[in-house]
Amino acid sequence: MTERRIGWLTLLIGFAAGGIVAVLRDPWWGVGLAIGAGLAWLNFRWLRQGLDALVAASTAQSGAEQPRVPAGAYFRALFRYTLIGLSVYAIFKVLRVPLVSMMVGLCALGAATIVVSVYEILRPVE
């Protein structure tokens, strides 16, 4: 449940910030914030899927002396960051969206994580 909250809150914070900035200041900065938040959400989703696969593999090998990490886990981790970097570069070059705005939009994941953590602390499940 916590992971799901972080996911939708990342999009909510990023798109809300993007909309506010687009209306009050600069539309291209707002677009950049929204794009960054979308990329942060994708990164979080792919990270969660990779960790789920890693946990499943380690659980299946629980009795083995030398558990093996699937090579695909390394590839997916590297691919995730490469794809995000290439996406940011392409959007910056083609659409001329400010690079800093996309980087700030990527921080929506951190903001969502903090909000959900505080929520979990204030409303503990017993």
C-alpha atoms as a PDB file:
ATOM      1  CA  MET A   1       0.000   0.000   0.000  1.00  0.00           C
ATOM      2  CA  THR A   2       2.845   2.382   0.824  1.00  0.00           C
ATOM      3  CA  GLU A   3       4.464   1.853  -2.568  1.00  0.00           C
ATOM      4  CA  ARG A   4       1.187   2.592  -4.307  1.00  0.00           C
ATOM      5  CA  ARG A   5       0.791   5.808  -2.315  1.00  0.00           C
ATOM      6  CA  ILE A   6       4.290   6.910  -3.275  1.00  0.00           C
ATOM      7  CA  GLY A   7       3.535   6.213  -6.932  1.00  0.00           C
ATOM      8  CA  TRP A   8       0.352   8.235  -7.276  1.00  0.00           C
ATOM      9  CA  LEU A   9       1.590  10.971  -4.960  1.00  0.00           C
ATOM     10  CA  THR A  10       4.692  11.412  -7.140  1.00  0.00           C
ATOM     11  CA  LEU A  11       2.462  12.150 -10.106  1.00  0.00           C
ATOM     12  CA  LEU A  12       0.103  14.327  -8.079  1.00  0.00           C
ATOM     13  CA  ILE A  13       2.885  16.492  -6.616  1.00  0.00           C
ATOM     14  CA  GLY A  14       4.738  16.785  -9.932  1.00  0.00           C
ATOM     15  CA  PHE A  15       1.707  17.589 -12.054  1.00  0.00           C
ATOM     16  CA  ALA A  16       0.281  20.002  -9.478  1.00  0.00           C
ATOM     17  CA  ALA A  17       3.604  21.824  -9.228  1.00  0.00           C
ATOM     18  CA  GLY A  18       3.877  21.827 -13.016  1.00  0.00           C
ATOM     19  CA  GLY A  19       0.396  23.254 -13.416  1.00  0.00           C
ATOM     20  CA  ILE A  20       0.962  25.973 -10.835  1.00  0.00           C
ATOM     21  CA  VAL A  21       4.297  26.988 -12.354  1.00  0.00           C
ATOM     22  CA  ALA A  22       2.849  26.914 -15.877  1.00  0.00           C
ATOM     23  CA  VAL A  23       0.006  29.237 -14.899  1.00  0.00           C
ATOM     24  CA  LEU A  24       1.930  31.614 -12.640  1.00  0.00           C
ATOM     25  CA  ARG A  25       5.364  31.800 -14.272  1.00  0.00           C
ATOM     26  CA  ASP A  26       6.584  29.915 -17.323  1.00  0.00           C
ATOM     27  CA  PRO A  27       4.614  27.295 -19.293  1.00  0.00           C
ATOM     28  CA  TRP A  28       7.777  25.495 -20.431  1.00  0.00           C
ATOM     29  CA  TRP A  29       8.987  25.177 -16.847  1.00  0.00           C
ATOM     30  CA  GLY A  30       5.620  23.681 -15.917  1.00  0.00           C
ATOM     31  CA  VAL A  31       5.925  21.183 -18.752  1.00  0.00           C
ATOM     32  CA  GLY A  32       9.426  20.297 -17.591  1.00  0.00           C
ATOM     33  CA  LEU A  33       8.248  19.695 -14.033  1.00  0.00           C
ATOM     34  CA  ALA A  34       5.451  17.434 -15.257  1.00  0.00           C
ATOM     35  CA  ILE A  35       7.818  15.501 -17.546  1.00  0.00           C
ATOM     36  CA  GLY A  36      10.304  15.064 -14.721  1.00  0.00           C
ATOM     37  CA  ALA A  37       7.578  13.787 -12.400  1.00  0.00           C
ATOM     38  CA  GLY A  38       6.426  11.315 -15.056  1.00  0.00           C
ATOM     39  CA  LEU A  39       9.977  10.042 -15.499  1.00  0.00           C
ATOM     40  CA  ALA A  40      10.389   9.770 -11.714  1.00  0.00           C
ATOM     41  CA  TRP A  41       7.205   7.692 -11.571  1.00  0.00           C
ATOM     42  CA  LEU A  42       8.477   5.401 -14.337  1.00  0.00           C
ATOM     43  CA  ASN A  43      11.800   5.040 -12.556  1.00  0.00           C
ATOM     44  CA  PHE A  44      10.045   4.126  -9.299  1.00  0.00           C
ATOM     45  CA  ARG A  45       7.796   1.630 -11.048  1.00  0.00           C
ATOM     46  CA  TRP A  46      10.712  -0.064 -12.812  1.00  0.00           C
ATOM     47  CA  LEU A  47      12.742  -0.106  -9.608  1.00  0.00           C
ATOM     48  CA  ARG A  48       9.871  -1.786  -7.775  1.00  0.00           C
ATOM     49  CA  GLN A  49       9.519  -4.405 -10.509  1.00  0.00           C
ATOM     50  CA  GLY A  50      13.262  -5.082 -10.441  1.00  0.00           C
ATOM     51  CA  LEU A  51      13.298  -5.491  -6.674  1.00  0.00           C
ATOM     52  CA  ASP A  52      10.269  -7.778  -6.796  1.00  0.00           C
ATOM     53  CA  ALA A  53      12.078  -9.995  -9.320  1.00  0.00           C
ATOM     54  CA  LEU A  54      15.215  -9.981  -7.188  1.00  0.00           C
ATOM     55  CA  VAL A  55      13.247 -10.984  -4.076  1.00  0.00           C
ATOM     56  CA  ALA A  56      11.507 -13.773  -6.002  1.00  0.00           C
ATOM     57  CA  ALA A  57      14.853 -15.092  -7.270  1.00  0.00           C
ATOM     58  CA  SER A  58      16.450 -14.974  -3.828  1.00  0.00           C
ATOM     59  CA  THR A  59      13.450 -16.688  -2.235  1.00  0.00           C
ATOM     60  CA  ALA A  60      13.616 -19.469  -4.820  1.00  0.00           C
ATOM     61  CA  GLN A  61      17.308 -19.969  -4.029  1.00  0.00           C
ATOM     62  CA  SER A  62      16.985 -19.738  -0.255  1.00  0.00           C
ATOM     63  CA  GLY A  63      18.632 -23.115   0.334  1.00  0.00           C
ATOM     64  CA  ALA A  64      21.564 -22.550  -2.021  1.00  0.00           C
ATOM     65  CA  GLU A  65      25.019 -21.753  -0.668  1.00  0.00           C
ATOM     66  CA  GLN A  66      25.776 -19.223  -3.400  1.00  0.00           C
ATOM     67  CA  PRO A  67      22.534 -17.548  -4.467  1.00  0.00           C
ATOM     68  CA  ARG A  68      22.797 -16.036  -7.939  1.00  0.00           C
ATOM     69  CA  VAL A  69      21.456 -12.664  -8.991  1.00  0.00           C
ATOM     70  CA  PRO A  70      19.889 -12.879 -12.456  1.00  0.00           C
ATOM     71  CA  ALA A  71      21.970 -11.032 -15.066  1.00  0.00           C
ATOM     72  CA  GLY A  72      18.787  -9.388 -16.289  1.00  0.00           C
ATOM     73  CA  ALA A  73      18.494  -7.519 -12.974  1.00  0.00           C
ATOM     74  CA  TYR A  74      21.777  -5.730 -13.657  1.00  0.00           C
ATOM     75  CA  PHE A  75      20.766  -4.988 -17.233  1.00  0.00           C
ATOM     76  CA  ARG A  76      17.391  -3.575 -16.228  1.00  0.00           C
ATOM     77  CA  ALA A  77      18.965  -1.309 -13.603  1.00  0.00           C
ATOM     78  CA  LEU A  78      21.455   0.071 -16.120  1.00  0.00           C
ATOM     79  CA  PHE A  79      18.783   0.305 -18.830  1.00  0.00           C
ATOM     80  CA  ARG A  80      16.465   2.231 -16.505  1.00  0.00           C
ATOM     81  CA  TYR A  81      18.954   5.038 -15.911  1.00  0.00           C
ATOM     82  CA  THR A  82      20.113   5.072 -19.527  1.00  0.00           C
ATOM     83  CA  LEU A  83      16.551   5.374 -20.795  1.00  0.00           C
ATOM     84  CA  ILE A  84      15.735   8.205 -18.388  1.00  0.00           C
ATOM     85  CA  GLY A  85      18.924  10.056 -19.347  1.00  0.00           C
ATOM     86  CA  LEU A  86      18.248   9.662 -23.065  1.00  0.00           C
ATOM     87  CA  SER A  87      14.632  10.756 -22.604  1.00  0.00           C
ATOM     88  CA  VAL A  88      15.668  13.907 -20.755  1.00  0.00           C
ATOM     89  CA  TYR A  89      18.283  14.682 -23.408  1.00  0.00           C
ATOM     90  CA  ALA A  90      15.852  14.144 -26.298  1.00  0.00           C
ATOM     91  CA  ILE A  91      13.126  16.242 -24.689  1.00  0.00           C
ATOM     92  CA  PHE A  92      15.658  18.998 -23.968  1.00  0.00           C
ATOM     93  CA  LYS A  93      16.984  19.006 -27.540  1.00  0.00           C
ATOM     94  CA  VAL A  94      13.717  18.549 -29.453  1.00  0.00           C
ATOM     95  CA  LEU A  95      11.146  20.419 -27.357  1.00  0.00           C
ATOM     96  CA  ARG A  96      13.559  22.932 -25.780  1.00  0.00           C
ATOM     97  CA  VAL A  97      12.121  22.251 -22.330  1.00  0.00           C
ATOM     98  CA  PRO A  98      14.473  23.662 -19.658  1.00  0.00           C
ATOM     99  CA  LEU A  99      16.762  20.926 -18.378  1.00  0.00           C
ATOM    100  CA  VAL A 100      16.709  22.175 -14.783  1.00  0.00           C
ATOM    101  CA  SER A 101      12.903  22.012 -14.707  1.00  0.00           C
ATOM    102  CA  MET A 102      12.970  18.315 -15.621  1.00  0.00           C
ATOM    103  CA  MET A 103      15.614  17.647 -12.964  1.00  0.00           C
ATOM    104  CA  VAL A 104      13.484  19.412 -10.351  1.00  0.00           C
ATOM    105  CA  GLY A 105      10.483  17.390 -11.549  1.00  0.00           C
ATOM    106  CA  LEU A 106      12.448  14.207 -10.880  1.00  0.00           C
ATOM    107  CA  CYS A 107      12.564  15.309  -7.222  1.00  0.00           C
ATOM    108  CA  ALA A 108       8.797  14.741  -6.986  1.00  0.00           C
ATOM    109  CA  LEU A 109       9.594  11.138  -6.073  1.00  0.00           C
ATOM    110  CA  GLY A 110      11.593  12.289  -3.059  1.00  0.00           C
ATOM    111  CA  ALA A 111       8.844  14.681  -1.997  1.00  0.00           C
ATOM    112  CA  ALA A 112       6.224  11.946  -2.299  1.00  0.00           C
ATOM    113  CA  THR A 113       8.370   9.557  -0.279  1.00  0.00           C
ATOM    114  CA  ILE A 114       8.748  12.115   2.500  1.00  0.00           C
ATOM    115  CA  VAL A 115       5.007  12.838   2.577  1.00  0.00           C
ATOM    116  CA  VAL A 116       4.115   9.138   2.707  1.00  0.00           C
ATOM    117  CA  SER A 117       6.732   8.493   5.407  1.00  0.00           C
ATOM    118  CA  VAL A 118       5.336  11.260   7.593  1.00  0.00           C
ATOM    119  CA  TYR A 119       1.822   9.926   6.989  1.00  0.00           C
ATOM    120  CA  GLU A 120       2.930   6.418   8.014  1.00  0.00           C
ATOM    121  CA  ILE A 121       4.556   7.786  11.180  1.00  0.00           C
ATOM    122  CA  LEU A 122       1.482   9.786  12.177  1.00  0.00           C
ATOM    123  CA  ARG A 123      -0.960   6.968  11.394  1.00  0.00           C
ATOM    124  CA  PRO A 124       0.748   3.755  12.495  1.00  0.00           C
ATOM    125  CA  VAL A 125      -0.955   0.448  11.804  1.00  0.00           C
ATOM    126  CA  GLU A 126      -1.165  -1.653  14.956  1.00  0.00           C
END
